[in-house]
């Protein structure tokens, strides 16, 4: 297994020290550089180029987003953003994701050393996932995953499996359920901005930390014809509306008569995620059946594979993003392997699947 060379760019000496120690203790990872700002990073990268960059966004001399854009324009490289968990930080981080960052690791303002030590496994997993990223898919527009360190819960922990029955009766209401992770922010932007106002109601799980989903939804809402917002408990799923599961919460679909609503709830990590794609997909299988379309997109791991199979067994149509257009072909690959996918399509074709398969076009 090839060693993953990582560069840490952060103006906090504590972050550089603790993150550096975490990375150096992980098998197959080497700390190549740890520097306090992007200008120093540029000088070090002339000597040796990293496989993955762990990047802060607020730094002296040059901010992280400017540095990220420079890297993606000159030599695209997987970048993981290390951001403070605040509303202001979330808005800045959305700009970084739009500029081509792979994913987000959060850090608090206080208790930083203890937090980073406790989050070592998440940090290492993010670096490993980034090392597999298809960097040509990361550019802005215009080694295997580590073994789990804790019991990996399934959707059973939140929602019992439905009886093995075939589909609910069709109604005039239609639901599109989308699950994605690494690389999903740009992928979702491409899909949702292509959809007209007449689009069926959409429910989305994008693996993202608490506080960041609201900023992400707001950004998409400003770009799309459809309404995009972070889901609230009890929201109705309506044509022309996309609801994104809040970070740190699970989102489930429920049916009231011929209408669909979402429940936003607490619960344990499922497949080491909250929100979990499997939890959403299982609820869609249970309450929407043949009235639904399930779509699994770019991401590391297997969250959503079991749930998509349940949706297909319940009569839903199911689609996966194809390998060539994924940043990381992990979640779709596992869903295909388990038999939950009817067809795989390029990212640019997913909007057409949404409209064609649900009878809009």
Protein backbone atom coordinates (compact mmCIF):
# COMPACT_ATOMS: atom_id res chain seq x y z
CA UNK A 1 0.00 0.00 0.00
CA UNK A 2 1.42 3.34 -1.06
CA UNK A 3 2.25 5.77 1.75
CA UNK A 4 -0.01 8.83 1.80
CA UNK A 5 2.05 12.02 2.13
CA UNK A 6 0.09 14.74 3.95
CA UNK A 7 0.73 18.44 4.38
CA UNK A 8 -0.93 20.37 7.23
CA UNK A 9 -1.45 24.12 6.69
CA UNK A 10 -2.79 25.82 9.84
CA UNK A 11 -1.72 28.92 11.75
CA UNK A 12 -2.33 27.19 15.09
CA UNK A 13 0.80 25.56 16.51
CA UNK A 14 -1.43 23.30 18.64
CA UNK A 15 -3.29 22.04 15.57
CA UNK A 16 -0.06 21.39 13.70
CA UNK A 17 1.41 19.51 16.64
CA UNK A 18 -1.63 17.39 17.50
CA UNK A 19 -2.70 16.68 13.93
CA UNK A 20 0.86 15.89 13.00
CA UNK A 21 1.12 13.36 15.83
CA UNK A 22 -2.19 11.75 14.84
CA UNK A 23 -1.15 11.40 11.22
CA UNK A 24 2.32 10.08 11.99
CA UNK A 25 0.84 7.39 14.24
CA UNK A 26 -1.48 6.12 11.48
CA UNK A 27 -0.21 3.22 9.35
CA UNK A 28 0.45 4.18 5.76
CA UNK A 29 0.40 7.94 6.37
CA UNK A 30 3.41 10.26 6.52
CA UNK A 31 3.46 13.88 7.64
CA UNK A 32 5.33 15.57 4.81
CA UNK A 33 5.05 19.21 5.93
CA UNK A 34 3.33 21.19 8.71
CA UNK A 35 3.37 24.94 8.10
CA UNK A 36 1.62 28.03 9.44
CA UNK A 37 0.41 29.66 6.21
CA UNK A 38 -0.04 29.07 2.48
CA UNK A 39 3.02 31.07 1.41
CA UNK A 40 5.24 28.77 3.45
CA UNK A 41 3.29 25.82 2.03
CA UNK A 42 4.02 26.93 -1.53
CA UNK A 43 7.77 27.03 -0.77
CA UNK A 44 7.70 23.55 0.82
CA UNK A 45 5.67 22.11 -2.04
CA UNK A 46 8.45 23.06 -4.44
CA UNK A 47 10.56 20.45 -2.62
CA UNK A 48 7.96 17.68 -2.33
CA UNK A 49 4.29 17.63 -3.34
CA UNK A 50 1.79 16.05 -0.92
CA UNK A 51 -0.89 13.50 -1.78
CA UNK A 52 -3.41 15.21 0.53
CA UNK A 53 -3.52 18.71 2.05
CA UNK A 54 -5.22 19.38 5.40
CA UNK A 55 -6.07 23.09 5.20
CA UNK A 56 -7.35 25.77 7.56
CA UNK A 57 -9.38 28.57 5.93
CA UNK A 58 -8.60 31.60 8.09
CA UNK A 59 -4.85 32.34 8.10
CA UNK A 60 -2.49 35.31 7.82
CA UNK A 61 -0.83 36.48 4.60
CA UNK A 62 -3.04 34.31 2.35
CA UNK A 63 -6.42 32.78 3.21
CA UNK A 64 -7.10 29.10 2.66
CA UNK A 65 -9.63 29.60 -0.14
CA UNK A 66 -7.21 31.66 -2.25
CA UNK A 67 -4.56 29.00 -1.72
CA UNK A 68 -7.05 26.23 -2.58
CA UNK A 69 -8.04 27.91 -5.83
CA UNK A 70 -4.39 28.32 -6.76
CA UNK A 71 -3.69 24.63 -6.12
CA UNK A 72 -6.75 23.44 -8.04
CA UNK A 73 -5.84 25.64 -11.01
CA UNK A 74 -2.17 24.64 -11.14
CA UNK A 75 -2.04 21.05 -9.89
CA UNK A 76 -5.34 19.61 -8.55
CA UNK A 77 -4.72 17.86 -5.23
CA UNK A 78 -7.17 16.42 -2.68
CA UNK A 79 -7.78 18.98 0.07
CA UNK A 80 -9.57 18.40 3.39
CA UNK A 81 -10.75 21.59 5.08
CA UNK A 82 -10.17 21.90 8.83
CA UNK A 83 -12.75 24.47 9.92
CA UNK A 84 -14.10 25.94 13.15
CA UNK A 85 -17.63 24.81 13.96
CA UNK A 86 -19.42 28.17 13.69
CA UNK A 87 -22.05 29.69 11.41
CA UNK A 88 -19.47 32.14 10.09
CA UNK A 89 -16.99 29.34 9.53
CA UNK A 90 -19.67 27.33 7.75
CA UNK A 91 -20.24 30.05 5.17
CA UNK A 92 -16.51 30.29 4.48
CA UNK A 93 -16.20 26.53 4.26
CA UNK A 94 -18.98 26.38 1.66
CA UNK A 95 -16.84 28.60 -0.54
CA UNK A 96 -13.94 26.19 -0.02
CA UNK A 97 -16.07 23.19 -1.02
CA UNK A 98 -17.26 25.09 -4.09
CA UNK A 99 -13.61 25.75 -4.95
CA UNK A 100 -12.86 22.02 -4.98
CA UNK A 101 -12.18 20.79 -1.43
CA UNK A 102 -13.02 17.13 -0.81
CA UNK A 103 -14.53 17.25 2.67
CA UNK A 104 -14.66 18.98 6.06
CA UNK A 105 -13.14 18.20 9.45
CA UNK A 106 -14.43 20.44 12.24
CA UNK A 107 -12.50 21.85 15.17
CA UNK A 108 -13.84 23.77 18.19
CA UNK A 109 -12.49 27.09 19.44
CA UNK A 110 -11.85 25.65 22.91
CA UNK A 111 -10.52 22.29 24.06
CA UNK A 112 -8.76 21.84 20.75
CA UNK A 113 -6.10 19.41 21.86
CA UNK A 114 -8.53 16.99 23.55
CA UNK A 115 -11.00 17.26 20.66
CA UNK A 116 -8.43 16.44 18.00
CA UNK A 117 -7.09 13.52 20.01
CA UNK A 118 -10.62 12.11 20.45
CA UNK A 119 -11.37 12.65 16.75
CA UNK A 120 -8.21 10.95 15.52
CA UNK A 121 -10.06 8.15 13.73
CA UNK A 122 -12.33 10.58 11.88
CA UNK A 123 -9.32 12.64 10.85
CA UNK A 124 -7.39 9.64 9.54
CA UNK A 125 -10.47 8.30 7.71
CA UNK A 126 -10.96 11.68 6.01
CA UNK A 127 -7.34 11.73 4.85
CA UNK A 128 -7.56 8.17 3.51
CA UNK A 129 -10.82 8.94 1.70
CA UNK A 130 -9.31 12.07 0.18
CA UNK A 131 -6.31 10.11 -1.09
CA UNK A 132 -8.70 8.07 -3.26
CA UNK A 133 -10.47 11.12 -4.70
CA UNK A 134 -10.69 11.56 -8.44
CA UNK A 135 -9.09 15.01 -8.49
CA UNK A 136 -10.19 15.82 -12.03
CA UNK A 137 -13.72 15.84 -10.59
CA UNK A 138 -12.70 18.21 -7.80
CA UNK A 139 -11.75 21.20 -9.93
CA UNK A 140 -14.25 24.04 -9.52
CA UNK A 141 -16.51 24.87 -12.47
CA UNK A 142 -15.96 27.92 -15.28
CA UNK A 143 -5.32 3.12 0.16
CA UNK A 144 -8.44 1.33 1.33
CA UNK A 145 -10.55 2.74 4.11
CA UNK A 146 -9.35 1.95 7.63
CA UNK A 147 -11.00 -0.81 9.61
CA UNK A 148 -13.87 0.41 11.77
CA UNK A 149 -12.84 1.33 15.29
CA UNK A 150 -16.29 0.92 16.77
CA UNK A 151 -19.38 -1.15 16.15
CA UNK A 152 -20.95 0.00 12.92
CA UNK A 153 -24.67 0.29 13.50
CA UNK A 154 -27.16 -0.30 10.71
CA UNK A 155 -30.45 1.48 10.09
CA UNK A 156 -32.06 -1.00 12.53
CA UNK A 157 -30.77 1.27 15.29
CA UNK A 158 -33.14 4.04 14.17
CA UNK A 159 -35.94 2.46 12.14
CA UNK A 160 -37.01 -1.22 12.10
CA UNK A 161 -37.03 -2.91 8.72
CA UNK A 162 -40.39 -2.94 6.97
CA UNK A 163 -42.07 -6.27 6.19
CA UNK A 164 -40.97 -7.71 2.86
CA UNK A 165 -43.96 -6.44 0.92
CA UNK A 166 -43.99 -5.11 -2.62
CA UNK A 167 -44.55 -1.37 -2.98
CA UNK A 168 -47.30 0.86 -1.77
CA UNK A 169 -50.12 1.90 -4.04
CA UNK A 170 -49.06 4.73 -6.29
CA UNK A 171 -50.23 8.23 -5.51
CA UNK A 172 -49.90 11.47 -7.41
CA UNK A 173 -47.12 12.48 -5.00
CA UNK A 174 -43.59 11.46 -6.01
CA UNK A 175 -40.40 11.50 -3.95
CA UNK A 176 -36.75 11.55 -4.98
CA UNK A 177 -34.29 10.40 -2.29
CA UNK A 178 -30.60 11.19 -2.79
CA UNK A 179 -27.63 10.04 -0.72
CA UNK A 180 -24.05 11.24 -1.15
CA UNK A 181 -20.83 11.94 0.74
CA UNK A 182 -17.28 12.76 -0.41
CA UNK A 183 -17.48 14.96 -3.49
CA UNK A 184 -21.22 15.33 -3.09
CA UNK A 185 -21.39 19.08 -2.60
CA UNK A 186 -20.32 19.89 -6.14
CA UNK A 187 -22.22 16.89 -7.54
CA UNK A 188 -25.46 17.99 -5.88
CA UNK A 189 -24.94 21.52 -7.16
CA UNK A 190 -24.66 20.23 -10.72
CA UNK A 191 -27.80 18.10 -10.41
CA UNK A 192 -30.04 20.54 -8.53
CA UNK A 193 -29.17 23.61 -10.62
CA UNK A 194 -30.27 21.69 -13.72
CA UNK A 195 -33.78 20.97 -12.38
CA UNK A 196 -36.89 23.04 -13.25
CA UNK A 197 -39.48 24.21 -10.74
CA UNK A 198 -41.79 21.31 -11.65
CA UNK A 199 -39.36 18.78 -10.16
CA UNK A 200 -40.84 16.20 -7.74
CA UNK A 201 -40.08 16.69 -4.05
CA UNK A 202 -36.52 15.76 -3.09
CA UNK A 203 -35.03 14.57 0.21
CA UNK A 204 -31.24 14.52 0.55
CA UNK A 205 -28.61 13.20 2.90
CA UNK A 206 -25.19 14.73 2.32
CA UNK A 207 -22.64 13.64 4.93
CA UNK A 208 -21.67 16.95 6.51
CA UNK A 209 -21.08 18.19 10.07
CA UNK A 210 -23.58 20.09 12.17
CA UNK A 211 -24.00 23.79 11.24
CA UNK A 212 -22.60 23.31 7.75
CA UNK A 213 -25.75 21.90 6.14
CA UNK A 214 -27.72 25.13 6.66
CA UNK A 215 -25.05 27.19 4.88
CA UNK A 216 -24.84 24.56 2.14
CA UNK A 217 -28.61 24.61 1.60
CA UNK A 218 -28.69 28.42 1.56
CA UNK A 219 -25.97 28.50 -1.06
CA UNK A 220 -27.81 26.03 -3.30
CA UNK A 221 -31.08 27.87 -2.82
CA UNK A 222 -29.48 30.97 -4.31
CA UNK A 223 -28.32 29.00 -7.37
CA UNK A 224 -31.33 26.80 -8.14
CA UNK A 225 -34.78 27.30 -9.66
CA UNK A 226 -36.18 24.94 -7.03
CA UNK A 227 -36.31 25.80 -3.33
CA UNK A 228 -33.47 24.22 -1.34
CA UNK A 229 -33.34 24.37 2.45
CA UNK A 230 -32.18 22.52 5.51
CA UNK A 231 -35.02 20.26 6.64
CA UNK A 232 -37.07 21.04 9.73
CA UNK A 233 -39.10 18.48 11.65
CA UNK A 234 -42.52 18.13 10.01
CA UNK A 235 -41.61 19.82 6.71
CA UNK A 236 -43.78 18.70 3.81
CA UNK A 237 -42.09 17.21 0.76
CA UNK A 238 -43.41 19.34 -2.10
CA UNK A 239 -42.77 19.58 -5.85
CA UNK A 240 -40.07 22.11 -6.50
CA UNK A 241 -38.54 21.72 -3.03
CA UNK A 242 -35.38 19.91 -1.89
CA UNK A 243 -34.87 19.22 1.82
CA UNK A 244 -31.34 18.53 3.08
CA UNK A 245 -30.94 16.56 6.31
CA UNK A 246 -29.35 18.69 9.06
CA UNK A 247 -25.84 17.72 10.14
CA UNK A 248 -25.95 15.77 13.40
CA UNK A 249 -29.56 14.58 12.88
CA UNK A 250 -31.23 11.72 11.04
CA UNK A 251 -33.99 12.50 8.53
CA UNK A 252 -36.84 10.08 7.81
CA UNK A 253 -39.73 10.22 5.36
CA UNK A 254 -43.28 9.56 6.57
CA UNK A 255 -46.60 9.43 4.80
CA UNK A 256 -49.76 11.23 5.91
CA UNK A 257 -52.57 10.14 3.62
CA UNK A 258 -51.35 10.98 0.14
CA UNK A 259 -48.79 13.49 1.39
CA UNK A 260 -45.19 13.08 2.50
CA UNK A 261 -43.42 14.84 5.37
CA UNK A 262 -40.01 14.47 7.01
CA UNK A 263 -39.11 13.75 10.61
CA UNK A 264 -35.80 15.14 11.87
CA UNK A 265 -34.66 13.14 14.89
CA UNK A 266 -31.74 12.32 17.14
CA UNK A 267 -30.29 8.84 17.18
CA UNK A 268 -27.06 6.87 17.16
CA UNK A 269 -24.52 6.98 14.38
CA UNK A 270 -25.54 4.60 11.59
CA UNK A 271 -22.70 3.34 9.41
CA UNK A 272 -20.71 5.85 11.50
CA UNK A 273 -22.83 8.70 10.14
CA UNK A 274 -25.58 11.00 11.37
CA UNK A 275 -27.42 11.77 9.14
CA UNK A 276 -27.30 8.37 7.50
CA UNK A 277 -28.33 7.60 3.93
CA UNK A 278 -29.49 4.13 4.97
CA UNK A 279 -31.90 5.59 7.53
CA UNK A 280 -33.43 7.92 4.93
CA UNK A 281 -33.61 5.24 2.23
CA UNK A 282 -35.22 2.70 4.57
CA UNK A 283 -37.93 5.19 5.54
CA UNK A 284 -38.54 5.95 1.85
CA UNK A 285 -38.84 2.23 1.08
CA UNK A 286 -41.30 1.83 3.94
CA UNK A 287 -43.50 4.85 3.26
CA UNK A 288 -43.16 5.63 -0.46
CA UNK A 289 -42.35 2.34 -2.17
CA UNK A 290 -43.06 2.55 -5.89
CA UNK A 291 -43.73 6.28 -5.61
CA UNK A 292 -40.01 6.93 -5.11
CA UNK A 293 -36.77 7.18 -7.00
CA UNK A 294 -33.55 6.44 -5.09
CA UNK A 295 -30.23 7.90 -6.20
CA UNK A 296 -26.84 7.11 -4.66
CA UNK A 297 -23.95 9.36 -5.60
CA UNK A 298 -20.24 9.87 -4.99
CA UNK A 299 -18.92 8.99 -1.54
CA UNK A 300 -16.60 6.83 0.52
CA UNK A 301 -17.89 3.76 2.35
CA UNK A 302 -21.14 1.83 2.08
CA UNK A 303 -23.80 4.04 3.67
CA UNK A 304 -26.95 3.82 1.54
CA UNK A 305 -26.22 0.49 -0.15
CA UNK A 306 -28.52 -1.53 2.09
CA UNK A 307 -31.22 1.12 2.05
CA UNK A 308 -31.20 1.42 -1.74
CA UNK A 309 -31.70 -2.35 -2.03
CA UNK A 310 -34.69 -2.06 0.32
CA UNK A 311 -36.09 0.69 -1.90
CA UNK A 312 -35.70 -1.45 -5.01
CA UNK A 313 -37.40 -4.40 -3.32
CA UNK A 314 -40.26 -2.08 -2.35
CA UNK A 315 -40.82 -1.15 -6.00
CA UNK A 316 -38.85 2.09 -6.22
CA UNK A 317 -36.66 2.92 -9.19
CA UNK A 318 -32.96 3.11 -8.28
CA UNK A 319 -30.01 4.85 -9.92
CA UNK A 320 -26.30 5.16 -9.12
CA UNK A 321 -23.80 7.74 -10.29
CA UNK A 322 -21.30 6.00 -12.58
CA UNK A 323 -17.66 5.46 -11.70
CA UNK A 324 -16.17 7.87 -14.24
CA UNK A 325 -18.07 10.87 -12.88
CA UNK A 326 -17.60 10.12 -9.15
CA UNK A 327 -15.00 11.79 -6.97
CA UNK A 328 -14.99 8.59 -4.90
CA UNK A 329 -16.75 5.51 -6.28
CA UNK A 330 -17.35 3.84 -2.92
CA UNK A 331 -21.03 4.17 -2.03
CA UNK A 332 -22.33 3.61 -5.59
CA UNK A 333 -19.97 0.66 -6.08
CA UNK A 334 -21.23 -1.05 -2.93
CA UNK A 335 -24.85 -0.41 -3.90
CA UNK A 336 -24.25 -1.97 -7.33
CA UNK A 337 -22.47 -4.92 -5.71
CA UNK A 338 -25.45 -5.64 -3.42
CA UNK A 339 -27.98 -5.50 -6.24
CA UNK A 340 -29.75 -2.30 -5.25
CA UNK A 341 -29.05 -0.40 -8.48
CA UNK A 342 -31.16 -0.66 -11.63
CA UNK A 343 -28.87 1.51 -13.73
CA UNK A 344 -25.74 3.64 -13.45
CA UNK A 345 -25.58 7.00 -15.20
CA UNK A 346 -23.09 9.87 -15.50
CA UNK A 347 -23.51 12.83 -13.18
CA UNK A 348 -24.73 14.97 -16.08
CA UNK A 349 -27.57 12.50 -16.70
CA UNK A 350 -29.00 12.34 -13.18
CA UNK A 351 -31.31 15.34 -13.62
CA UNK A 352 -32.85 13.65 -16.67
CA UNK A 353 -33.39 10.45 -14.66
CA UNK A 354 -35.23 12.43 -12.00
CA UNK A 355 -37.58 13.95 -14.56
CA UNK A 356 -38.01 10.96 -16.87
CA UNK A 357 -38.44 8.21 -14.31
CA UNK A 358 -41.05 10.13 -12.34
CA UNK A 359 -43.05 11.14 -15.38
CA UNK A 360 -42.23 14.83 -15.44
CA UNK A 361 -40.58 14.81 -18.85
